[in-house]
Amino acid sequence: MIRDADASLSYMRLTTRFIPLVAACSAPFLFPGVIQADDTVDFNTQIKPILEYNCVRCHGSAGHRKAGLSLETRASAFKGGDDGVVIVPGDPAKSPLYTSTILPGSDDKKMPPKDEFLNKTQMELLRRWIEQGAKWPEEVTLMARKVEVAATGDDAAIVAEIHRKILAAGNAASPAEMKPYSETIPGTKVAFDMVPIPGGTFVMGSPDKEAKRKPDEGPQHKVTISPFWMEKCEVTWDEYELFMYPDMLKNLDPAAAANSGKDVADAVTHPTKPYVEMSFGMGKSGFPAISMTQHGANTYCKWLSAKTGHFYRLPTEAEWEYACRAGTTTPYFFGKKASKLGEYAWYKANSGGKYQKVGQKKPNPWGLYDMYGNVVEWTLDQYIPDQYEKFPASGVVDPWVKATQPYPHSVRGGSWDDTPDMLRSAARRGSERDWKIQDPQLPKSIWYHTDARFLGFRIIRPLTVPSPEELAKYWTSGVEKD
């Protein structure tokens, strides 16, 4: 039994034959968690990510079979390459798929090469998987996957061009001109509705005697909010997948394909392909998009702004609560008690254990649906439990607690999996690292919270369009990476 990869290097160099395994990416991947001695290694969740992100790029299809080796299918992987077999079930010491990964970094035969090495957890997973018989479901075919990277290029120029497009499209000149409207995403039949939210002053937070109140909801303080439009419902998969999969948009609109590169929206970075099916079987058309990071939601707003010529962004935490309360001061916008909650929200007691189509319940007094329940909604703010204590007694105008670290960010409204106390207008919650715990990527995805199936967002459009520099700050916080 090999107890430590480094201690066994000399032995492995004498007893194994090298088969090149070229890295497909610049960072290692693994399924998170501590490996216990009696754990059975699962191919789909633990081995498949390692191979897809590190090996299949160069050992895959016919055009990329270095040393004649393909790791796309069980049959081709066990067949081996020009130098023989690479997987010997039950014997890691005779399996170059494993032994080439544990060579010293200075060894030319080390795989993956070029400082793109697997970590000890991944190497141990490979060793244990082979030792346990190298079980690989015959129906599973692997595909090469890339590491996610942050946006590159001249982003300032892209934002400046989006800003010019927004100004050219025109905007309401005053609050009196703000009307409800429906926006169709260019090149599609997908539309969403926006509701005008009048500016005003309200008391944010909950009073000391409110039932189920938590300390982070106080002290109450006055907040003045400038006018904006807010999306009537949460962003749906119909909307969000056009951003996730740009080819889908071009297939819907041949003119878009012909003009590719001429639309500034094409220059906005799109999410990498998710590792799993992101609705988790709970529904797509008409259902809220879920499990995106705040960075994903922010970048969607940037893309949508470029696409439509209107400035869209996430609401601040204050804007969200102001819109949710809709002029009310009670725990819920419909009153003090939760007895009527089922008329307005999908939550733990009535959701059936999953989110539901948007807009099925009653709206709040300002015409916004699902402000309570269904999915919790991203805001722009860093979540700071005692933030309200830091606001001046005289009140604040359009507060935005800008993020200085990746976690936690504020989410609001409660979800299909929450109890009534978390659906109150003042209830607060912060995002968590554990929302990515099953993500096989290391570093974790900048686009997906695969364990937050209760998480979504809705957008707002401020009446006043800020400068290009401010636009960039709304869409890129600087703390996107985990």
Protein backbone atom coordinates (compact mmCIF):
# COMPACT_ATOMS: atom_id res chain seq x y z
CA MET A 1 0.00 0.00 0.00
CA ILE A 2 1.37 3.40 -0.96
CA ARG A 3 1.02 5.64 2.09
CA ASP A 4 2.51 8.84 0.70
CA ALA A 5 3.00 9.86 -2.93
CA ASP A 6 6.33 11.62 -2.36
CA ALA A 7 7.81 8.71 -0.39
CA SER A 8 7.14 6.27 -3.22
CA LEU A 9 8.66 8.23 -6.12
CA SER A 10 11.85 6.22 -6.51
CA TYR A 11 9.99 2.94 -6.50
CA MET A 12 7.46 4.13 -9.03
CA ARG A 13 10.10 5.45 -11.41
CA LEU A 14 11.67 1.98 -11.52
CA THR A 15 8.48 -0.04 -11.87
CA THR A 16 6.29 2.03 -14.18
CA ARG A 17 6.41 2.88 -17.81
CA PHE A 18 5.63 6.46 -18.79
CA ILE A 19 2.51 7.36 -20.76
CA PRO A 20 2.15 11.10 -21.38
CA LEU A 21 -0.90 12.72 -19.85
CA VAL A 22 -0.95 16.37 -20.95
CA ALA A 23 -2.87 18.86 -18.82
CA ALA A 24 -6.02 20.38 -20.18
CA CYS A 25 -5.94 23.36 -17.89
CA SER A 26 -3.95 25.53 -15.55
CA ALA A 27 -5.32 24.47 -12.17
CA PRO A 28 -6.08 21.15 -10.42
CA PHE A 29 -9.58 19.86 -9.79
CA LEU A 30 -11.05 17.58 -7.17
CA PHE A 31 -14.23 16.64 -5.42
CA PRO A 32 -14.08 18.39 -2.05
CA GLY A 33 -13.98 16.64 1.27
CA VAL A 34 -11.69 14.58 3.41
CA ILE A 35 -10.88 11.13 2.06
CA GLN A 36 -11.49 8.42 4.62
CA ALA A 37 -9.74 5.08 4.49
CA ASP A 38 -12.96 3.14 3.96
CA ASP A 39 -14.53 5.48 1.40
CA THR A 40 -15.50 4.09 -1.98
CA VAL A 41 -14.32 6.48 -4.68
CA ASP A 42 -17.14 7.51 -6.99
CA PHE A 43 -16.18 7.84 -10.66
CA ASN A 44 -18.76 10.44 -11.69
CA THR A 45 -18.20 12.92 -8.86
CA GLN A 46 -14.53 12.33 -8.01
CA ILE A 47 -12.60 10.85 -10.94
CA LYS A 48 -14.50 12.26 -13.93
CA PRO A 49 -13.73 15.92 -13.00
CA ILE A 50 -10.02 15.15 -12.60
CA LEU A 51 -9.78 13.57 -16.03
CA GLU A 52 -11.98 16.07 -17.85
CA TYR A 53 -10.19 19.14 -16.52
CA ASN A 54 -6.66 17.77 -16.69
CA CYS A 55 -6.29 15.02 -19.28
CA VAL A 56 -8.99 14.72 -21.94
CA ARG A 57 -7.96 17.85 -23.86
CA CYS A 58 -4.89 16.05 -25.20
CA HIS A 59 -6.10 12.49 -24.75
CA GLY A 60 -9.55 12.69 -26.27
CA SER A 61 -10.84 12.72 -29.83
CA ALA A 62 -8.96 11.33 -32.81
CA GLY A 63 -7.23 14.66 -33.46
CA HIS A 64 -5.98 14.91 -29.89
CA ARG A 65 -4.73 11.48 -28.93
CA LYS A 66 -1.21 12.09 -27.77
CA ALA A 67 0.75 8.84 -27.59
CA GLY A 68 -2.29 7.17 -29.15
CA LEU A 69 -4.21 7.43 -25.88
CA SER A 70 -7.87 8.43 -25.57
CA LEU A 71 -9.53 8.83 -22.19
CA GLU A 72 -12.96 9.71 -23.54
CA THR A 73 -14.60 6.33 -22.98
CA ARG A 74 -14.11 3.35 -20.73
CA ALA A 75 -13.16 1.14 -23.68
CA SER A 76 -10.54 3.51 -25.09
CA ALA A 77 -9.07 4.30 -21.67
CA PHE A 78 -8.59 0.64 -20.75
CA LYS A 79 -7.21 -0.13 -24.22
CA GLY A 80 -4.31 2.22 -23.56
CA GLY A 81 -1.99 3.96 -25.99
CA ASP A 82 1.17 3.47 -28.01
CA ASP A 83 3.13 2.39 -24.93
CA GLY A 84 0.56 -0.03 -23.59
CA VAL A 85 -2.14 0.04 -20.95
CA VAL A 86 -2.40 2.97 -18.55
CA ILE A 87 -4.97 1.53 -16.11
CA VAL A 88 -4.52 -1.83 -14.42
CA PRO A 89 -7.57 -2.35 -12.18
CA GLY A 90 -6.53 -3.23 -8.65
CA ASP A 91 -2.87 -2.25 -9.13
CA PRO A 92 -2.05 1.49 -8.99
CA ALA A 93 1.71 0.76 -9.08
CA LYS A 94 1.34 -0.65 -12.60
CA SER A 95 -1.02 2.07 -13.82
CA PRO A 96 0.75 5.00 -15.54
CA LEU A 97 -2.48 7.03 -15.32
CA TYR A 98 -1.57 7.32 -11.65
CA THR A 99 2.19 6.81 -11.45
CA SER A 100 3.03 9.56 -13.94
CA THR A 101 1.23 12.07 -11.69
CA ILE A 102 3.41 11.40 -8.62
CA LEU A 103 6.80 11.98 -10.22
CA PRO A 104 8.83 15.02 -9.06
CA GLY A 105 7.95 18.34 -10.65
CA SER A 106 11.41 18.51 -12.26
CA ASP A 107 10.90 15.20 -14.07
CA ASP A 108 10.05 15.63 -17.78
CA LYS A 109 7.75 12.64 -17.47
CA LYS A 110 5.63 14.27 -14.78
CA MET A 111 1.99 14.51 -15.81
CA PRO A 112 0.19 16.83 -16.07
CA PRO A 113 3.25 18.92 -17.03
CA LYS A 114 4.26 22.59 -16.90
CA ASP A 115 3.47 23.25 -13.23
CA GLU A 116 -0.12 22.17 -13.79
CA PHE A 117 0.19 19.22 -11.45
CA LEU A 118 -2.51 17.39 -9.56
CA ASN A 119 -2.58 17.93 -5.83
CA LYS A 120 -2.14 15.14 -3.28
CA THR A 121 -5.88 14.71 -2.79
CA GLN A 122 -6.41 14.14 -6.50
CA MET A 123 -3.48 11.76 -6.76
CA GLU A 124 -4.81 9.80 -3.80
CA LEU A 125 -8.27 9.66 -5.38
CA LEU A 126 -6.78 8.22 -8.59
CA ARG A 127 -4.74 5.69 -6.62
CA ARG A 128 -7.69 4.59 -4.51
CA TRP A 129 -10.03 4.40 -7.51
CA ILE A 130 -7.63 2.09 -9.37
CA GLU A 131 -6.98 0.05 -6.21
CA GLN A 132 -10.74 -0.41 -5.80
CA GLY A 133 -11.04 -1.85 -9.30
CA ALA A 134 -11.18 1.29 -11.48
CA LYS A 135 -14.95 1.11 -11.88
CA TRP A 136 -16.05 3.26 -14.83
CA PRO A 137 -19.72 3.12 -15.96
CA GLU A 138 -19.77 2.09 -19.62
CA GLU A 139 -22.37 4.73 -20.53
CA VAL A 140 -20.22 7.63 -19.26
CA THR A 141 -18.26 9.52 -21.94
CA LEU A 142 -15.82 12.24 -20.91
CA MET A 143 -15.31 15.61 -22.55
CA ALA A 144 -12.51 18.16 -22.23
CA ARG A 145 -13.28 21.08 -19.92
CA LYS A 146 -11.47 24.35 -19.34
CA VAL A 147 -10.62 26.23 -16.20
CA GLU A 148 -12.75 29.32 -15.66
CA VAL A 149 -10.90 32.60 -15.95
CA ALA A 150 -11.89 36.15 -15.16
CA ALA A 151 -12.63 38.58 -17.96
CA THR A 152 -9.63 39.87 -19.87
CA GLY A 153 -9.08 42.62 -22.38
CA ASP A 154 -9.95 46.28 -22.28
CA ASP A 155 -13.04 46.12 -20.08
CA ALA A 156 -13.04 49.90 -19.62
CA ALA A 157 -13.53 50.31 -23.37
CA ILE A 158 -16.40 47.80 -23.35
CA VAL A 159 -18.13 49.60 -20.48
CA ALA A 160 -17.64 52.96 -22.21
CA GLU A 161 -19.29 51.59 -25.36
CA ILE A 162 -22.20 50.18 -23.31
CA HIS A 163 -22.56 53.59 -21.65
CA ARG A 164 -22.74 55.30 -25.05
CA LYS A 165 -25.39 52.83 -26.16
CA ILE A 166 -27.45 53.48 -23.00
CA LEU A 167 -27.31 57.25 -23.46
CA ALA A 168 -28.20 56.94 -27.15
CA ALA A 169 -31.27 54.86 -26.30
CA GLY A 170 -32.70 57.62 -24.15
CA ASN A 171 -34.22 57.53 -20.68
CA ALA A 172 -37.07 59.05 -18.72
CA ALA A 173 -36.24 62.62 -17.81
CA SER A 174 -38.13 62.69 -14.51
CA PRO A 175 -39.93 60.36 -12.07
CA ALA A 176 -43.25 61.51 -13.51
CA GLU A 177 -42.30 59.94 -16.85
CA MET A 178 -41.57 56.52 -15.36
CA LYS A 179 -44.12 53.99 -16.60
CA PRO A 180 -44.35 50.19 -16.47
CA TYR A 181 -42.86 48.60 -19.56
CA SER A 182 -42.00 45.28 -21.13
CA GLU A 183 -38.54 44.72 -22.61
CA THR A 184 -37.92 42.10 -25.28
CA ILE A 185 -34.35 40.88 -25.44
CA PRO A 186 -33.20 41.74 -28.98
CA GLY A 187 -33.14 38.82 -31.37
CA THR A 188 -35.56 36.74 -29.27
CA LYS A 189 -39.16 36.53 -28.20
CA VAL A 190 -38.12 36.51 -24.54
CA ALA A 191 -39.49 39.49 -22.63
CA PHE A 192 -39.55 40.67 -19.03
CA ASP A 193 -41.65 43.30 -17.27
CA MET A 194 -40.37 46.29 -15.29
CA VAL A 195 -42.35 48.14 -12.61
CA PRO A 196 -41.62 51.78 -11.63
CA ILE A 197 -40.68 52.22 -7.96
CA PRO A 198 -41.14 55.81 -6.75
CA GLY A 199 -38.38 57.42 -4.74
CA GLY A 200 -38.96 58.13 -1.07
CA THR A 201 -37.85 57.68 2.52
CA PHE A 202 -38.59 54.64 4.69
CA VAL A 203 -37.50 53.06 7.96
CA MET A 204 -35.22 50.10 7.24
CA GLY A 205 -34.93 47.18 9.62
CA SER A 206 -37.31 45.80 12.23
CA PRO A 207 -38.42 47.13 15.62
CA ASP A 208 -37.13 45.45 18.77
CA LYS A 209 -40.46 43.79 19.53
CA GLU A 210 -41.08 42.26 16.08
CA ALA A 211 -41.67 38.52 16.37
CA LYS A 212 -38.74 36.36 15.18
CA ARG A 213 -36.58 39.48 14.86
CA LYS A 214 -32.80 38.94 14.73
CA PRO A 215 -30.08 41.32 15.95
CA ASP A 216 -28.81 42.05 12.43
CA GLU A 217 -32.13 43.75 11.60
CA GLY A 218 -31.46 46.75 13.79
CA PRO A 219 -31.31 49.38 14.87
CA GLN A 220 -33.96 50.77 12.56
CA HIS A 221 -32.81 53.77 10.56
CA LYS A 222 -34.14 56.17 7.95
CA VAL A 223 -33.14 55.60 4.34
CA THR A 224 -33.91 57.75 1.31
CA ILE A 225 -34.10 55.92 -2.00
CA SER A 226 -33.95 57.38 -5.52
CA PRO A 227 -36.51 56.15 -8.08
CA PHE A 228 -35.91 53.04 -10.16
CA TRP A 229 -37.69 50.30 -12.05
CA MET A 230 -37.62 46.76 -10.66
CA GLU A 231 -38.30 43.54 -12.54
CA LYS A 232 -41.82 42.35 -11.79
CA CYS A 233 -40.65 38.77 -11.32
CA GLU A 234 -37.39 36.99 -10.62
CA VAL A 235 -35.09 36.46 -13.62
CA THR A 236 -36.14 33.22 -15.32
CA TRP A 237 -34.15 30.57 -17.11
CA ASP A 238 -35.72 31.83 -20.37
CA GLU A 239 -33.82 35.10 -19.82
CA TYR A 240 -30.67 33.85 -18.13
CA GLU A 241 -29.85 31.00 -20.51
CA LEU A 242 -29.55 33.47 -23.38
CA PHE A 243 -26.59 34.86 -21.44
CA MET A 244 -25.26 31.45 -20.39
CA TYR A 245 -25.35 30.07 -23.92
CA PRO A 246 -24.68 32.82 -26.49
CA ASP A 247 -24.96 30.35 -29.37
CA MET A 248 -28.60 29.88 -28.38
CA LEU A 249 -29.22 33.56 -29.09
CA LYS A 250 -27.47 33.40 -32.44
CA ASN A 251 -29.49 30.34 -33.42
CA LEU A 252 -32.68 32.24 -32.63
CA ASP A 253 -31.60 35.30 -34.59
CA PRO A 254 -29.64 34.65 -37.83
CA ALA A 255 -28.97 38.37 -38.13
CA ALA A 256 -27.11 38.24 -34.82
CA ALA A 257 -24.82 35.58 -36.18
CA ALA A 258 -24.19 37.62 -39.31
CA ASN A 259 -23.35 40.69 -37.22
CA SER A 260 -21.30 38.84 -34.62
CA GLY A 261 -18.61 41.11 -33.25
CA LYS A 262 -20.56 44.29 -34.10
CA ASP A 263 -22.73 44.14 -30.97
CA VAL A 264 -20.94 45.24 -27.79
CA ALA A 265 -22.87 42.50 -25.94
CA ASP A 266 -20.71 39.96 -27.77
CA ALA A 267 -17.67 41.33 -25.95
CA VAL A 268 -19.12 40.67 -22.49
CA THR A 269 -17.71 37.54 -20.87
CA HIS A 270 -20.18 34.64 -20.68
CA PRO A 271 -20.26 31.89 -18.06
CA THR A 272 -18.36 28.69 -18.65
CA LYS A 273 -20.50 25.63 -19.30
CA PRO A 274 -21.85 24.35 -15.98
CA TYR A 275 -20.63 20.98 -14.77
CA VAL A 276 -24.16 19.83 -13.89
CA GLU A 277 -27.66 20.58 -15.18
CA MET A 278 -28.34 23.76 -13.24
CA SER A 279 -32.12 23.49 -12.76
CA PHE A 280 -31.60 20.11 -11.08
CA GLY A 281 -34.78 18.87 -12.71
CA MET A 282 -37.01 21.44 -10.98
CA GLY A 283 -38.13 23.22 -14.15
CA LYS A 284 -36.84 25.66 -16.77
CA SER A 285 -39.28 27.72 -18.85
CA GLY A 286 -41.06 30.20 -16.61
CA PHE A 287 -39.09 29.13 -13.55
CA PRO A 288 -36.52 31.31 -11.79
CA ALA A 289 -32.88 30.89 -12.79
CA ILE A 290 -30.94 29.57 -9.81
CA SER A 291 -27.51 28.83 -8.36
CA MET A 292 -25.55 31.63 -10.05
CA THR A 293 -22.90 33.52 -8.11
CA GLN A 294 -23.27 37.24 -7.50
CA HIS A 295 -20.60 37.68 -10.17
CA GLY A 296 -22.81 35.72 -12.57
CA ALA A 297 -25.81 37.90 -11.76
CA ASN A 298 -23.75 41.10 -12.07
CA THR A 299 -22.31 40.05 -15.43
CA TYR A 300 -25.77 39.14 -16.68
CA CYS A 301 -26.82 42.72 -15.86
CA LYS A 302 -23.85 44.01 -17.83
CA TRP A 303 -24.69 41.78 -20.80
CA LEU A 304 -28.38 42.73 -20.68
CA SER A 305 -27.48 46.42 -20.56
CA ALA A 306 -25.28 45.99 -23.62
CA LYS A 307 -28.01 44.04 -25.36
CA THR A 308 -30.93 46.38 -24.67
CA GLY A 309 -29.39 49.84 -24.24
CA HIS A 310 -30.91 50.23 -20.75
CA PHE A 311 -28.82 50.27 -17.57
CA TYR A 312 -29.62 47.20 -15.47
CA ARG A 313 -28.02 46.08 -12.22
CA LEU A 314 -28.72 44.29 -8.96
CA PRO A 315 -30.56 46.25 -6.25
CA THR A 316 -28.79 47.36 -3.12
CA GLU A 317 -30.04 45.79 0.08
CA ALA A 318 -31.82 49.05 0.94
CA GLU A 319 -33.47 49.27 -2.49
CA TRP A 320 -34.64 45.68 -2.17
CA GLU A 321 -36.26 46.18 1.25
CA TYR A 322 -37.80 49.50 0.15
CA ALA A 323 -39.40 47.84 -2.89
CA CYS A 324 -40.50 44.83 -0.87
CA ARG A 325 -42.19 46.89 1.85
CA ALA A 326 -43.95 49.03 -0.76
CA GLY A 327 -44.83 51.68 1.79
CA THR A 328 -45.74 49.26 4.61
CA THR A 329 -44.18 49.01 8.07
CA THR A 330 -45.48 45.62 9.26
CA PRO A 331 -43.37 42.42 9.31
CA TYR A 332 -44.97 41.39 6.02
CA PHE A 333 -46.31 43.79 3.41
CA PHE A 334 -49.74 42.18 3.93
CA GLY A 335 -49.77 42.53 7.73
CA LYS A 336 -48.30 41.42 11.05
CA LYS A 337 -49.00 37.70 10.97
CA ALA A 338 -47.82 34.98 8.60
CA SER A 339 -51.25 33.35 8.30
CA LYS A 340 -51.76 34.78 4.79
CA LEU A 341 -48.23 33.99 3.59
CA GLY A 342 -49.41 31.15 1.35
CA GLU A 343 -51.35 33.65 -0.76
CA TYR A 344 -48.16 35.58 -1.58
CA ALA A 345 -45.24 33.18 -1.40
CA TRP A 346 -43.81 29.74 -2.08
CA TYR A 347 -42.05 28.60 1.06
CA LYS A 348 -41.32 25.46 3.06
CA ALA A 349 -44.95 24.72 3.93
CA ASN A 350 -46.38 24.85 0.37
CA SER A 351 -43.56 24.56 -2.17
CA GLY A 352 -43.38 20.79 -2.42
CA GLY A 353 -39.63 20.91 -1.89
CA LYS A 354 -38.71 22.94 -4.99
CA TYR A 355 -39.07 26.35 -6.58
CA GLN A 356 -42.14 27.17 -8.66
CA LYS A 357 -42.94 29.23 -11.76
CA VAL A 358 -42.69 32.94 -11.17
CA GLY A 359 -45.72 35.19 -10.79
CA GLN A 360 -48.18 32.55 -9.57
CA LYS A 361 -48.95 34.15 -6.21
CA LYS A 362 -50.35 37.58 -5.32
CA PRO A 363 -48.03 40.58 -5.80
CA ASN A 364 -47.06 43.16 -3.20
CA PRO A 365 -48.77 46.62 -3.22
CA TRP A 366 -46.36 47.88 -5.89
CA GLY A 367 -47.01 44.96 -8.24
CA LEU A 368 -43.88 42.88 -7.55
CA TYR A 369 -44.25 39.10 -7.44
CA ASP A 370 -42.37 36.57 -5.32
CA MET A 371 -40.63 39.14 -3.17
CA TYR A 372 -41.16 36.57 -0.45
CA GLY A 373 -40.10 32.98 -1.06
CA ASN A 374 -39.47 31.00 -4.25
CA VAL A 375 -35.77 31.96 -4.36
CA VAL A 376 -33.69 34.26 -2.19
CA GLU A 377 -32.44 37.19 -4.24
CA TRP A 378 -28.97 38.66 -4.63
CA THR A 379 -28.28 42.25 -3.65
CA LEU A 380 -25.14 44.30 -4.29
CA ASP A 381 -24.18 44.70 -0.63
CA GLN A 382 -21.63 43.01 1.54
CA TYR A 383 -23.49 41.37 4.41
CA ILE A 384 -22.29 42.88 7.70
CA PRO A 385 -24.38 41.81 10.74
CA ASP A 386 -23.93 45.09 12.63
CA GLN A 387 -23.98 47.39 9.60
CA TYR A 388 -27.11 49.25 10.73
CA GLU A 389 -25.28 50.41 13.85
CA LYS A 390 -22.79 52.22 11.61
CA PHE A 391 -25.33 54.35 9.75
CA PRO A 392 -25.75 57.94 11.03
CA ALA A 393 -28.82 58.72 13.14
CA SER A 394 -29.76 61.45 10.66
CA GLY A 395 -30.36 58.83 7.99
CA VAL A 396 -28.66 57.80 4.75
CA VAL A 397 -29.31 58.34 1.05
CA ASP A 398 -29.02 55.43 -1.40
CA PRO A 399 -26.65 53.38 0.80
CA TRP A 400 -24.51 50.72 -0.80
CA VAL A 401 -22.20 48.67 1.40
CA LYS A 402 -19.54 47.85 -1.19
CA ALA A 403 -17.89 44.47 -0.93
CA THR A 404 -14.30 44.08 0.24
CA GLN A 405 -14.30 40.27 0.39
CA PRO A 406 -16.03 37.40 -1.43
CA TYR A 407 -18.20 36.36 1.52
CA PRO A 408 -20.77 37.06 2.71
CA HIS A 409 -22.99 39.10 0.36
CA SER A 410 -26.56 39.96 1.32
CA VAL A 411 -29.44 37.94 -0.10
CA ARG A 412 -33.05 38.78 0.63
CA GLY A 413 -36.60 37.45 0.59
CA GLY A 414 -36.35 33.86 1.76
CA SER A 415 -36.88 30.83 -0.47
CA TRP A 416 -39.03 27.79 -1.17
CA ASP A 417 -37.03 26.01 1.55
CA ASP A 418 -37.45 28.64 4.30
CA THR A 419 -39.81 29.10 7.22
CA PRO A 420 -41.99 32.24 7.56
CA ASP A 421 -39.57 34.10 9.85
CA MET A 422 -37.02 34.27 7.01
CA LEU A 423 -39.60 35.74 4.63
CA ARG A 424 -40.24 38.90 6.67
CA SER A 425 -39.43 42.17 4.90
CA ALA A 426 -36.52 42.93 7.25
CA ALA A 427 -35.02 39.43 7.40
CA ARG A 428 -31.38 39.30 6.30
CA ARG A 429 -28.97 36.56 5.29
CA GLY A 430 -25.42 36.33 3.99
CA SER A 431 -24.00 34.08 1.26
CA GLU A 432 -21.77 31.18 2.29
CA ARG A 433 -18.77 29.31 0.91
CA ASP A 434 -20.64 26.05 1.49
CA TRP A 435 -22.91 27.00 -1.40
CA LYS A 436 -20.09 25.68 -3.61
CA ILE A 437 -19.06 22.66 -1.55
CA GLN A 438 -19.80 20.09 -4.29
CA ASP A 439 -18.18 22.13 -7.06
CA PRO A 440 -15.31 19.91 -8.38
CA GLN A 441 -13.29 22.91 -9.54
CA LEU A 442 -10.37 24.35 -7.59
CA PRO A 443 -10.38 27.31 -7.32
CA LYS A 444 -14.16 27.22 -7.08
CA SER A 445 -16.34 28.45 -9.94
CA ILE A 446 -16.78 32.18 -10.31
CA TRP A 447 -20.13 31.52 -12.01
CA TYR A 448 -22.04 28.84 -10.09
CA HIS A 449 -23.16 28.05 -6.54
CA THR A 450 -24.00 24.41 -7.25
CA ASP A 451 -25.32 23.82 -3.72
CA ALA A 452 -27.60 26.89 -3.59
CA ARG A 453 -30.69 25.66 -5.42
CA PHE A 454 -32.69 28.28 -3.52
CA LEU A 455 -30.75 31.27 -4.92
CA GLY A 456 -31.74 33.65 -7.72
CA PHE A 457 -32.12 37.37 -8.43
CA ARG A 458 -34.13 40.14 -10.03
CA ILE A 459 -32.85 43.31 -11.68
CA ILE A 460 -33.46 47.02 -11.33
CA ARG A 461 -33.01 49.98 -13.67
CA PRO A 462 -32.22 53.30 -11.92
CA LEU A 463 -33.78 56.44 -13.33
CA THR A 464 -30.39 58.17 -13.31
CA VAL A 465 -27.66 56.65 -15.49
CA PRO A 466 -24.26 56.90 -13.77
CA SER A 467 -20.86 57.51 -15.35
CA PRO A 468 -18.96 54.71 -17.12
CA GLU A 469 -16.68 54.44 -14.09
CA GLU A 470 -19.68 53.88 -11.81
CA LEU A 471 -21.20 51.38 -14.22
CA ALA A 472 -18.06 49.29 -13.97
CA LYS A 473 -18.23 49.31 -10.15
CA TYR A 474 -21.82 48.07 -10.17
CA TRP A 475 -21.01 45.19 -12.51
CA THR A 476 -17.56 44.24 -11.21
CA SER A 477 -17.02 44.30 -7.46
CA GLY A 478 -13.38 43.19 -7.49
CA VAL A 479 -14.02 40.28 -5.12
CA GLU A 480 -15.57 37.85 -7.57
CA LYS A 481 -13.19 34.96 -6.94
CA ASP A 482 -13.72 32.56 -4.08
